[in-house]
C-alpha atoms as a PDB file:
ATOM      1  CA  MET A   1     126.719  89.865 106.738  1.00  0.00           C
ATOM      2  CA  LYS A   2     124.836  90.807 103.571  1.00  0.00           C
ATOM      3  CA  ILE A   3     121.084  91.046 103.044  1.00  0.00           C
ATOM      4  CA  HIS A   4     119.531  91.073  99.586  1.00  0.00           C
ATOM      5  CA  ALA A   5     116.161  92.752  99.058  1.00  0.00           C
ATOM      6  CA  GLU A   6     113.943  94.333  96.430  1.00  0.00           C
ATOM      7  CA  ALA A   7     112.588  97.022  98.748  1.00  0.00           C
ATOM      8  CA  LEU A   8     113.547  98.689 102.019  1.00  0.00           C
ATOM      9  CA  LEU A   9     110.794  99.770 104.422  1.00  0.00           C
ATOM     10  CA  PHE A  10     111.705 102.303 107.102  1.00  0.00           C
ATOM     11  CA  ASP A  11     109.895 103.292 110.247  1.00  0.00           C
ATOM     12  CA  ASN A  12     110.350 107.029 110.779  1.00  0.00           C
ATOM     13  CA  ASP A  13     110.581 108.165 114.413  1.00  0.00           C
ATOM     14  CA  GLY A  14     113.612 106.568 116.043  1.00  0.00           C
ATOM     15  CA  THR A  15     114.717 105.021 112.752  1.00  0.00           C
ATOM     16  CA  LEU A  16     115.171 107.853 110.256  1.00  0.00           C
ATOM     17  CA  VAL A  17     114.701 110.814 112.570  1.00  0.00           C
ATOM     18  CA  SER A  18     115.129 111.587 116.240  1.00  0.00           C
ATOM     19  CA  SER A  19     111.903 112.917 117.734  1.00  0.00           C
ATOM     20  CA  LEU A  20     111.841 111.180 121.108  1.00  0.00           C
ATOM     21  CA  ALA A  21     112.263 114.363 123.158  1.00  0.00           C
ATOM     22  CA  SER A  22     109.452 116.012 121.192  1.00  0.00           C
ATOM     23  CA  VAL A  23     107.206 112.955 121.580  1.00  0.00           C
ATOM     24  CA  ASN A  24     107.758 112.797 125.331  1.00  0.00           C
ATOM     25  CA  ARG A  25     107.268 116.547 125.719  1.00  0.00           C
ATOM     26  CA  CYS A  26     104.014 116.632 123.755  1.00  0.00           C
ATOM     27  CA  TRP A  27     102.473 113.493 125.204  1.00  0.00           C
ATOM     28  CA  THR A  28     103.307 114.587 128.757  1.00  0.00           C
ATOM     29  CA  CYS A  29     101.565 117.914 128.129  1.00  0.00           C
ATOM     30  CA  TRP A  30      98.615 116.084 126.542  1.00  0.00           C
ATOM     31  CA  ALA A  31      98.279 113.697 129.494  1.00  0.00           C
ATOM     32  CA  GLN A  32      98.266 116.597 131.941  1.00  0.00           C
ATOM     33  CA  GLU A  33      95.573 118.399 129.931  1.00  0.00           C
ATOM     34  CA  TYR A  34      93.344 115.307 130.030  1.00  0.00           C
ATOM     35  CA  GLY A  35      93.933 114.589 133.716  1.00  0.00           C
ATOM     36  CA  ILE A  36      95.725 111.293 133.144  1.00  0.00           C
ATOM     37  CA  THR A  37      97.788 110.249 136.135  1.00  0.00           C
ATOM     38  CA  ALA A  38     101.493 109.581 135.805  1.00  0.00           C
ATOM     39  CA  GLU A  39     100.873 105.987 136.884  1.00  0.00           C
ATOM     40  CA  ASP A  40      98.262 105.375 134.184  1.00  0.00           C
ATOM     41  CA  PHE A  41     100.419 107.064 131.573  1.00  0.00           C
ATOM     42  CA  ALA A  42     103.498 105.041 132.528  1.00  0.00           C
ATOM     43  CA  ARG A  43     101.764 101.702 132.008  1.00  0.00           C
ATOM     44  CA  ILE A  44     100.937 102.446 128.358  1.00  0.00           C
ATOM     45  CA  ALA A  45     103.358 101.527 125.559  1.00  0.00           C
ATOM     46  CA  LEU A  46     103.878 104.819 123.749  1.00  0.00           C
ATOM     47  CA  HIS A  47     106.596 104.410 121.158  1.00  0.00           C
ATOM     48  CA  GLY A  48     105.817 102.868 117.774  1.00  0.00           C
ATOM     49  CA  ARG A  49     102.029 102.733 118.198  1.00  0.00           C
ATOM     50  CA  PRO A  50      99.314 104.832 116.507  1.00  0.00           C
ATOM     51  CA  ALA A  51      98.019 107.702 118.635  1.00  0.00           C
ATOM     52  CA  VAL A  52      94.434 106.464 118.279  1.00  0.00           C
ATOM     53  CA  GLU A  53      95.334 103.236 120.101  1.00  0.00           C
ATOM     54  CA  ILE A  54      97.154 105.089 122.868  1.00  0.00           C
ATOM     55  CA  ALA A  55      94.270 107.508 123.365  1.00  0.00           C
ATOM     56  CA  ALA A  56      91.773 104.639 123.379  1.00  0.00           C
ATOM     57  CA  ASP A  57      93.778 102.906 126.110  1.00  0.00           C
ATOM     58  CA  LEU A  58      93.645 105.985 128.324  1.00  0.00           C
ATOM     59  CA  LEU A  59      90.367 107.810 127.673  1.00  0.00           C
ATOM     60  CA  PRO A  60      86.618 107.150 127.307  1.00  0.00           C
ATOM     61  CA  ALA A  61      85.627 106.529 123.677  1.00  0.00           C
ATOM     62  CA  ASP A  62      83.693 109.784 123.375  1.00  0.00           C
ATOM     63  CA  LEU A  63      86.825 111.834 124.156  1.00  0.00           C
ATOM     64  CA  VAL A  64      89.142 110.047 121.732  1.00  0.00           C
ATOM     65  CA  PRO A  65      88.445 112.086 118.537  1.00  0.00           C
ATOM     66  CA  GLU A  66      89.017 115.413 120.313  1.00  0.00           C
ATOM     67  CA  ALA A  67      92.081 114.035 122.100  1.00  0.00           C
ATOM     68  CA  LEU A  68      93.574 112.780 118.819  1.00  0.00           C
ATOM     69  CA  ALA A  69      93.201 116.198 117.219  1.00  0.00           C
ATOM     70  CA  ARG A  70      94.874 117.777 120.247  1.00  0.00           C
ATOM     71  CA  ILE A  71      97.945 115.495 120.327  1.00  0.00           C
ATOM     72  CA  GLU A  72      98.434 115.887 116.581  1.00  0.00           C
ATOM     73  CA  GLN A  73      98.339 119.678 116.951  1.00  0.00           C
ATOM     74  CA  LEU A  74     100.810 119.622 119.838  1.00  0.00           C
ATOM     75  CA  GLU A  75     103.245 117.420 117.932  1.00  0.00           C
ATOM     76  CA  VAL A  76     103.016 119.325 114.655  1.00  0.00           C
ATOM     77  CA  GLU A  77     103.641 122.612 116.483  1.00  0.00           C
ATOM     78  CA  ASP A  78     106.692 121.045 118.151  1.00  0.00           C
ATOM     79  CA  VAL A  79     108.312 119.924 114.870  1.00  0.00           C
ATOM     80  CA  PRO A  80     110.426 123.055 114.188  1.00  0.00           C
ATOM     81  CA  GLY A  81     113.655 122.435 116.073  1.00  0.00           C
ATOM     82  CA  GLY A  82     112.278 119.218 117.582  1.00  0.00           C
ATOM     83  CA  VAL A  83     113.299 116.750 114.873  1.00  0.00           C
ATOM     84  CA  ASP A  84     116.751 115.795 113.567  1.00  0.00           C
ATOM     85  CA  PRO A  85     117.956 113.125 111.117  1.00  0.00           C
ATOM     86  CA  LEU A  86     119.629 110.192 112.830  1.00  0.00           C
ATOM     87  CA  PRO A  87     123.208 109.236 111.852  1.00  0.00           C
ATOM     88  CA  GLY A  88     123.464 107.684 108.407  1.00  0.00           C
ATOM     89  CA  THR A  89     119.875 108.442 107.400  1.00  0.00           C
ATOM     90  CA  LEU A  90     120.352 111.042 104.685  1.00  0.00           C
ATOM     91  CA  ALA A  91     123.328 109.335 103.045  1.00  0.00           C
ATOM     92  CA  LEU A  92     121.641 105.935 102.926  1.00  0.00           C
ATOM     93  CA  LEU A  93     118.367 107.256 101.493  1.00  0.00           C
ATOM     94  CA  ALA A  94     120.237 109.323  98.904  1.00  0.00           C
ATOM     95  CA  ALA A  95     121.789 106.102  97.581  1.00  0.00           C
ATOM     96  CA  LEU A  96     118.397 104.463  96.959  1.00  0.00           C
ATOM     97  CA  PRO A  97     116.124 104.800  93.914  1.00  0.00           C
ATOM     98  CA  ALA A  98     112.745 106.258  94.943  1.00  0.00           C
ATOM     99  CA  GLU A  99     110.873 103.115  93.890  1.00  0.00           C
ATOM    100  CA  ARG A 100     113.003 100.890  96.148  1.00  0.00           C
ATOM    101  CA  TRP A 101     112.001 102.301  99.534  1.00  0.00           C
ATOM    102  CA  ALA A 102     109.087 103.539 101.617  1.00  0.00           C
ATOM    103  CA  VAL A 103     108.452 105.116 105.002  1.00  0.00           C
ATOM    104  CA  VAL A 104     105.966 103.231 107.197  1.00  0.00           C
ATOM    105  CA  THR A 105     105.012 105.195 110.305  1.00  0.00           C
ATOM    106  CA  SER A 106     102.442 105.052 113.085  1.00  0.00           C
ATOM    107  CA  ALA A 107     102.095 108.859 112.904  1.00  0.00           C
ATOM    108  CA  THR A 108      99.287 110.589 111.034  1.00  0.00           C
ATOM    109  CA  ARG A 109     100.072 111.779 107.507  1.00  0.00           C
ATOM    110  CA  ARG A 110     100.062 115.426 108.598  1.00  0.00           C
ATOM    111  CA  LEU A 111     102.559 114.787 111.381  1.00  0.00           C
ATOM    112  CA  ALA A 112     104.720 112.383 109.374  1.00  0.00           C
ATOM    113  CA  GLU A 113     105.022 114.806 106.463  1.00  0.00           C
ATOM    114  CA  ALA A 114     105.875 117.658 108.841  1.00  0.00           C
ATOM    115  CA  ARG A 115     108.677 115.672 110.507  1.00  0.00           C
ATOM    116  CA  LEU A 116     110.071 114.337 107.241  1.00  0.00           C
ATOM    117  CA  ASP A 117     109.948 117.742 105.582  1.00  0.00           C
ATOM    118  CA  GLU A 118     111.782 119.264 108.541  1.00  0.00           C
ATOM    119  CA  VAL A 119     114.839 117.120 107.722  1.00  0.00           C
ATOM    120  CA  GLY A 120     114.466 117.151 103.935  1.00  0.00           C
ATOM    121  CA  ILE A 121     113.179 113.593 103.431  1.00  0.00           C
ATOM    122  CA  ARG A 122     110.488 113.239 100.758  1.00  0.00           C
ATOM    123  CA  PRO A 123     109.557 109.601 100.149  1.00  0.00           C
ATOM    124  CA  LYS A 124     107.688 108.627  97.017  1.00  0.00           C
ATOM    125  CA  THR A 125     105.777 106.060  99.101  1.00  0.00           C
ATOM    126  CA  LEU A 126     104.551 106.944 102.598  1.00  0.00           C
ATOM    127  CA  ILE A 127     102.270 104.734 104.692  1.00  0.00           C
ATOM    128  CA  THR A 128     100.751 106.407 107.762  1.00  0.00           C
ATOM    129  CA  ALA A 129      98.161 105.781 110.453  1.00  0.00           C
ATOM    130  CA  ASP A 130      95.578 107.353 108.119  1.00  0.00           C
ATOM    131  CA  ASP A 131      96.056 104.540 105.588  1.00  0.00           C
ATOM    132  CA  ILE A 132      95.455 101.495 107.779  1.00  0.00           C
ATOM    133  CA  THR A 133      92.877  99.984 110.111  1.00  0.00           C
ATOM    134  CA  ARG A 134      95.309  98.117 112.399  1.00  0.00           C
ATOM    135  CA  GLY A 135      98.616  99.585 113.481  1.00  0.00           C
ATOM    136  CA  LYS A 136     101.890  97.977 114.489  1.00  0.00           C
ATOM    137  CA  PRO A 137     102.446  95.303 115.832  1.00  0.00           C
ATOM    138  CA  ASP A 138      99.876  94.165 113.260  1.00  0.00           C
ATOM    139  CA  PRO A 139     101.590  93.526 109.890  1.00  0.00           C
ATOM    140  CA  GLU A 140      99.030  95.573 107.918  1.00  0.00           C
ATOM    141  CA  PRO A 141     101.173  98.736 107.516  1.00  0.00           C
ATOM    142  CA  TYR A 142     104.160  96.837 106.135  1.00  0.00           C
ATOM    143  CA  LEU A 143     102.067  94.601 103.898  1.00  0.00           C
ATOM    144  CA  LEU A 144     100.423  97.715 102.460  1.00  0.00           C
ATOM    145  CA  ALA A 145     103.830  99.269 101.756  1.00  0.00           C
ATOM    146  CA  ALA A 146     104.975  96.128  99.942  1.00  0.00           C
ATOM    147  CA  ARG A 147     101.798  96.170  97.866  1.00  0.00           C
ATOM    148  CA  GLU A 148     102.245  99.865  97.005  1.00  0.00           C
ATOM    149  CA  LEU A 149     105.797  99.152  95.829  1.00  0.00           C
ATOM    150  CA  GLY A 150     104.733  96.012  93.965  1.00  0.00           C
ATOM    151  CA  VAL A 151     107.193  93.817  95.856  1.00  0.00           C
ATOM    152  CA  ASP A 152     106.763  90.372  97.442  1.00  0.00           C
ATOM    153  CA  PRO A 153     106.800  90.860 101.255  1.00  0.00           C
ATOM    154  CA  ALA A 154     109.443  88.131 101.518  1.00  0.00           C
ATOM    155  CA  ARG A 155     111.756  90.366  99.450  1.00  0.00           C
ATOM    156  CA  CYS A 156     111.367  93.371 101.763  1.00  0.00           C
ATOM    157  CA  VAL A 157     113.583  94.453 104.655  1.00  0.00           C
ATOM    158  CA  VAL A 158     112.063  96.369 107.577  1.00  0.00           C
ATOM    159  CA  PHE A 159     114.142  98.877 109.558  1.00  0.00           C
ATOM    160  CA  GLU A 160     112.750  99.567 113.030  1.00  0.00           C
ATOM    161  CA  ASP A 161     113.748 100.802 116.469  1.00  0.00           C
ATOM    162  CA  ALA A 162     110.663  99.624 118.399  1.00  0.00           C
ATOM    163  CA  PRO A 163     109.647  96.088 119.409  1.00  0.00           C
ATOM    164  CA  ALA A 164     106.109  96.652 118.094  1.00  0.00           C
ATOM    165  CA  GLY A 165     107.440  97.566 114.661  1.00  0.00           C
ATOM    166  CA  LEU A 166     109.814  94.621 114.551  1.00  0.00           C
ATOM    167  CA  GLN A 167     106.937  92.326 115.484  1.00  0.00           C
ATOM    168  CA  ALA A 168     104.917  93.815 112.621  1.00  0.00           C
ATOM    169  CA  GLY A 169     107.760  93.200 110.177  1.00  0.00           C
ATOM    170  CA  ARG A 170     108.193  89.586 111.248  1.00  0.00           C
ATOM    171  CA  ALA A 171     104.440  88.982 111.050  1.00  0.00           C
ATOM    172  CA  ALA A 172     104.540  90.321 107.481  1.00  0.00           C
ATOM    173  CA  GLY A 173     107.164  87.715 106.593  1.00  0.00           C
ATOM    174  CA  MET A 174     109.903  90.285 106.083  1.00  0.00           C
ATOM    175  CA  THR A 175     113.559  90.407 107.094  1.00  0.00           C
ATOM    176  CA  THR A 176     114.040  92.728 110.068  1.00  0.00           C
ATOM    177  CA  VAL A 177     116.875  95.097 110.962  1.00  0.00           C
ATOM    178  CA  ALA A 178     116.730  96.681 114.415  1.00  0.00           C
ATOM    179  CA  LEU A 179     118.336 100.010 115.267  1.00  0.00           C
ATOM    180  CA  ALA A 180     119.358 100.458 118.900  1.00  0.00           C
ATOM    181  CA  THR A 181     118.452 104.156 118.949  1.00  0.00           C
ATOM    182  CA  THR A 182     115.594 104.142 121.485  1.00  0.00           C
ATOM    183  CA  HIS A 183     115.927 100.669 123.050  1.00  0.00           C
ATOM    184  CA  GLN A 184     118.829  98.561 124.243  1.00  0.00           C
ATOM    185  CA  ALA A 185     120.066  96.023 121.703  1.00  0.00           C
ATOM    186  CA  GLY A 186     119.089  93.165 124.025  1.00  0.00           C
ATOM    187  CA  GLU A 187     115.449  94.309 123.914  1.00  0.00           C
ATOM    188  CA  LEU A 188     115.276  94.027 120.122  1.00  0.00           C
ATOM    189  CA  ASP A 189     114.381  90.769 118.370  1.00  0.00           C
ATOM    190  CA  ALA A 190     115.515  91.021 114.743  1.00  0.00           C
ATOM    191  CA  ASP A 191     117.534  89.289 112.045  1.00  0.00           C
ATOM    192  CA  LEU A 192     120.193  91.972 112.458  1.00  0.00           C
ATOM    193  CA  VAL A 193     120.744  94.572 115.202  1.00  0.00           C
ATOM    194  CA  VAL A 194     122.937  97.639 114.614  1.00  0.00           C
ATOM    195  CA  GLU A 195     123.442 100.967 116.375  1.00  0.00           C
ATOM    196  CA  ASP A 196     121.890 103.103 113.627  1.00  0.00           C
ATOM    197  CA  LEU A 197     121.834 103.414 109.835  1.00  0.00           C
ATOM    198  CA  SER A 198     125.421 104.689 109.742  1.00  0.00           C
ATOM    199  CA  ALA A 199     126.479 101.089 110.447  1.00  0.00           C
ATOM    200  CA  LEU A 200     125.104 100.003 107.075  1.00  0.00           C
ATOM    201  CA  SER A 201     125.963 100.501 103.423  1.00  0.00           C
ATOM    202  CA  VAL A 202     123.752  99.794 100.426  1.00  0.00           C
ATOM    203  CA  LEU A 203     124.580  98.747  96.880  1.00  0.00           C
ATOM    204  CA  VAL A 204     121.883  99.065  94.239  1.00  0.00           C
ATOM    205  CA  THR A 205     121.907  96.169  91.757  1.00  0.00           C
ATOM    206  CA  ASP A 206     119.833  95.246  88.714  1.00  0.00           C
ATOM    207  CA  ASP A 207     117.492  93.117  90.826  1.00  0.00           C
ATOM    208  CA  GLY A 208     117.338  95.086  94.061  1.00  0.00           C
ATOM    209  CA  VAL A 209     119.501  96.304  96.912  1.00  0.00           C
ATOM    210  CA  GLU A 210     122.366  94.638  98.787  1.00  0.00           C
ATOM    211  CA  ILE A 211     122.709  95.730 102.424  1.00  0.00           C
ATOM    212  CA  SER A 212     126.043  95.258 104.209  1.00  0.00           C
ATOM    213  CA  VAL A 213     127.354  95.971 107.679  1.00  0.00           C
ATOM    214  CA  ARG A 214     130.320  98.307 107.491  1.00  0.00           C
ATOM    215  CA  GLY A 215     133.570  96.674 108.499  1.00  0.00           C
END
């Protein structure tokens, strides 16, 4: 199978880097600090959503700003040694021109830059929770990335590990590639499902990028 695109849009956590242990560690500590029961915490979808939405689901509105600052601080402090590139990430990104790809994450800019810098990834275009009004599964983050790159959304491919992100990509009218890094393949609704980025190769052409599944 081959996919042709003008731009590749990557989620970060669970797609480019592994931070799940750090996320779980920090959010568990945060929940305990704010007296959130394990039952209430378990019913909230955590992965792939902006922290502001998670906090708003769990806390009174007047506590949300303080709680957001606290979870960001916990996660940033946990970055050293808590983030690793996933298989295939660095090689695939190294093969792409800077103007052909972007990172689109539900994390804040401070946290996203800390995690990316930890593994040596420095995207020219980075869309974060600070840049949007509606997070995934809303298509706004991916539509903004396409606009920043100057590419028709229909000519973009989204790489995601979370159902919310894949839903956002589909809603934006983009081709979706799911990575079974944090969810089982059967839980992921996408045009293509692979284990991780090491399963893919890219060929840069005059009019874009050709994505292939390794044989």
